[in-house]
Amino acid sequence: MAHDKQNRDAILKRLSRLNGQVQGVSRMVEDGRYCVDILNQTAAIRSALRGVERLLIEDHARSCMEDAIQSGDQDRQRVMFREVVELMDKVRG
């Protein structure tokens, strides 16, 4: 998939931040930090991951789905639509 440069940079920046957050949570667990503090951090990680997912879905809609629509290939369009529906179920789940 060809990512929009702006989205790609934002995705990579968010993933880097997420990596740091996950490492921070590992240190918190190792240090025996208060459970609620750790859970607050895991909630922040889930929120940040949802932001990455949103950007990826936007990219998919702007590139892959748009290409399928413009191609006029109804079978390809149906496949893309089913993929997005399934993806949205996973993301919400």
Protein backbone atom coordinates (compact mmCIF):
# COMPACT_ATOMS: atom_id res chain seq x y z
CA MET A 1 0.00 0.00 0.00
CA ALA A 2 1.33 3.44 -0.86
CA HIS A 3 0.91 5.65 2.16
CA ASP A 4 0.43 9.36 1.90
CA LYS A 5 3.78 10.82 3.05
CA GLN A 6 2.14 12.99 5.70
CA ASN A 7 0.17 10.04 7.10
CA ARG A 8 3.20 7.74 6.86
CA ASP A 9 5.30 10.16 8.89
CA ALA A 10 2.50 10.56 11.44
CA ILE A 11 2.05 6.78 11.67
CA LEU A 12 5.77 6.19 12.19
CA LYS A 13 5.93 8.93 14.82
CA ARG A 14 2.96 7.47 16.68
CA LEU A 15 4.39 3.94 16.48
CA SER A 16 7.70 5.17 17.86
CA ARG A 17 5.87 6.86 20.73
CA LEU A 18 3.85 3.68 21.30
CA ASN A 19 7.03 1.65 21.45
CA GLY A 20 8.34 3.97 24.15
CA GLN A 21 5.08 3.75 26.07
CA VAL A 22 5.12 -0.06 26.00
CA GLN A 23 8.72 -0.10 27.22
CA GLY A 24 7.73 2.33 29.96
CA VAL A 25 4.92 0.03 31.08
CA SER A 26 7.36 -2.89 31.18
CA ARG A 27 9.62 -0.85 33.47
CA MET A 28 6.64 0.06 35.63
CA VAL A 29 5.75 -3.62 36.05
CA GLU A 30 9.38 -4.52 36.79
CA ASP A 31 9.53 -1.74 39.39
CA GLY A 32 6.32 -2.93 41.04
CA ARG A 33 4.46 0.32 40.37
CA TYR A 34 0.87 0.84 41.47
CA CYS A 35 -1.55 -1.18 39.32
CA VAL A 36 -3.84 1.76 38.59
CA ASP A 37 -0.89 3.78 37.24
CA ILE A 38 0.03 0.90 34.94
CA LEU A 39 -3.57 0.51 33.78
CA ASN A 40 -3.75 4.23 33.02
CA GLN A 41 -0.72 3.81 30.79
CA THR A 42 -2.16 0.78 29.02
CA ALA A 43 -5.35 2.79 28.35
CA ALA A 44 -3.19 5.53 26.82
CA ILE A 45 -1.47 2.93 24.64
CA ARG A 46 -4.82 1.61 23.37
CA SER A 47 -5.93 5.14 22.56
CA ALA A 48 -2.71 5.85 20.66
CA LEU A 49 -3.03 2.58 18.75
CA ARG A 50 -6.58 3.53 17.72
CA GLY A 51 -5.10 6.74 16.29
CA VAL A 52 -2.67 4.69 14.20
CA GLU A 53 -5.52 2.49 13.01
CA ARG A 54 -7.56 5.55 12.02
CA LEU A 55 -4.69 6.90 9.91
CA LEU A 56 -4.20 3.52 8.23
CA ILE A 57 -7.92 3.26 7.43
CA GLU A 58 -7.83 6.77 5.94
CA ASP A 59 -4.88 5.74 3.77
CA HIS A 60 -6.68 2.58 2.69
CA ALA A 61 -9.79 4.55 1.73
CA ARG A 62 -7.78 7.16 -0.17
CA SER A 63 -5.60 4.72 -2.06
CA CYS A 64 -6.78 1.12 -2.30
CA MET A 65 -10.52 1.72 -2.15
CA GLU A 66 -10.38 4.75 -4.42
CA ASP A 67 -8.38 2.73 -6.97
CA ALA A 68 -10.97 -0.06 -6.84
CA ILE A 69 -13.81 2.41 -7.38
CA GLN A 70 -12.06 4.10 -10.27
CA SER A 71 -11.21 0.76 -11.88
CA GLY A 72 -14.89 0.00 -12.39
CA ASP A 73 -14.20 -3.62 -11.40
CA GLN A 74 -17.26 -4.52 -9.34
CA ASP A 75 -15.72 -7.72 -7.97
CA ARG A 76 -12.70 -5.79 -6.71
CA GLN A 77 -15.00 -3.14 -5.23
CA ARG A 78 -16.99 -5.80 -3.38
CA VAL A 79 -13.79 -7.35 -2.01
CA MET A 80 -12.57 -3.96 -0.78
CA PHE A 81 -15.92 -3.22 0.81
CA ARG A 82 -16.00 -6.59 2.62
CA GLU A 83 -12.42 -6.04 3.82
CA VAL A 84 -13.29 -2.64 5.27
CA VAL A 85 -16.41 -3.96 7.00
CA GLU A 86 -14.39 -6.82 8.54
CA LEU A 87 -11.62 -4.42 9.50
CA MET A 88 -14.03 -2.04 11.21
CA ASP A 89 -15.41 -4.97 13.23
CA LYS A 90 -11.88 -5.88 14.34
CA VAL A 91 -10.96 -2.30 15.21
CA ARG A 92 -14.13 -1.81 17.25
CA GLY A 93 -13.86 -5.23 18.87
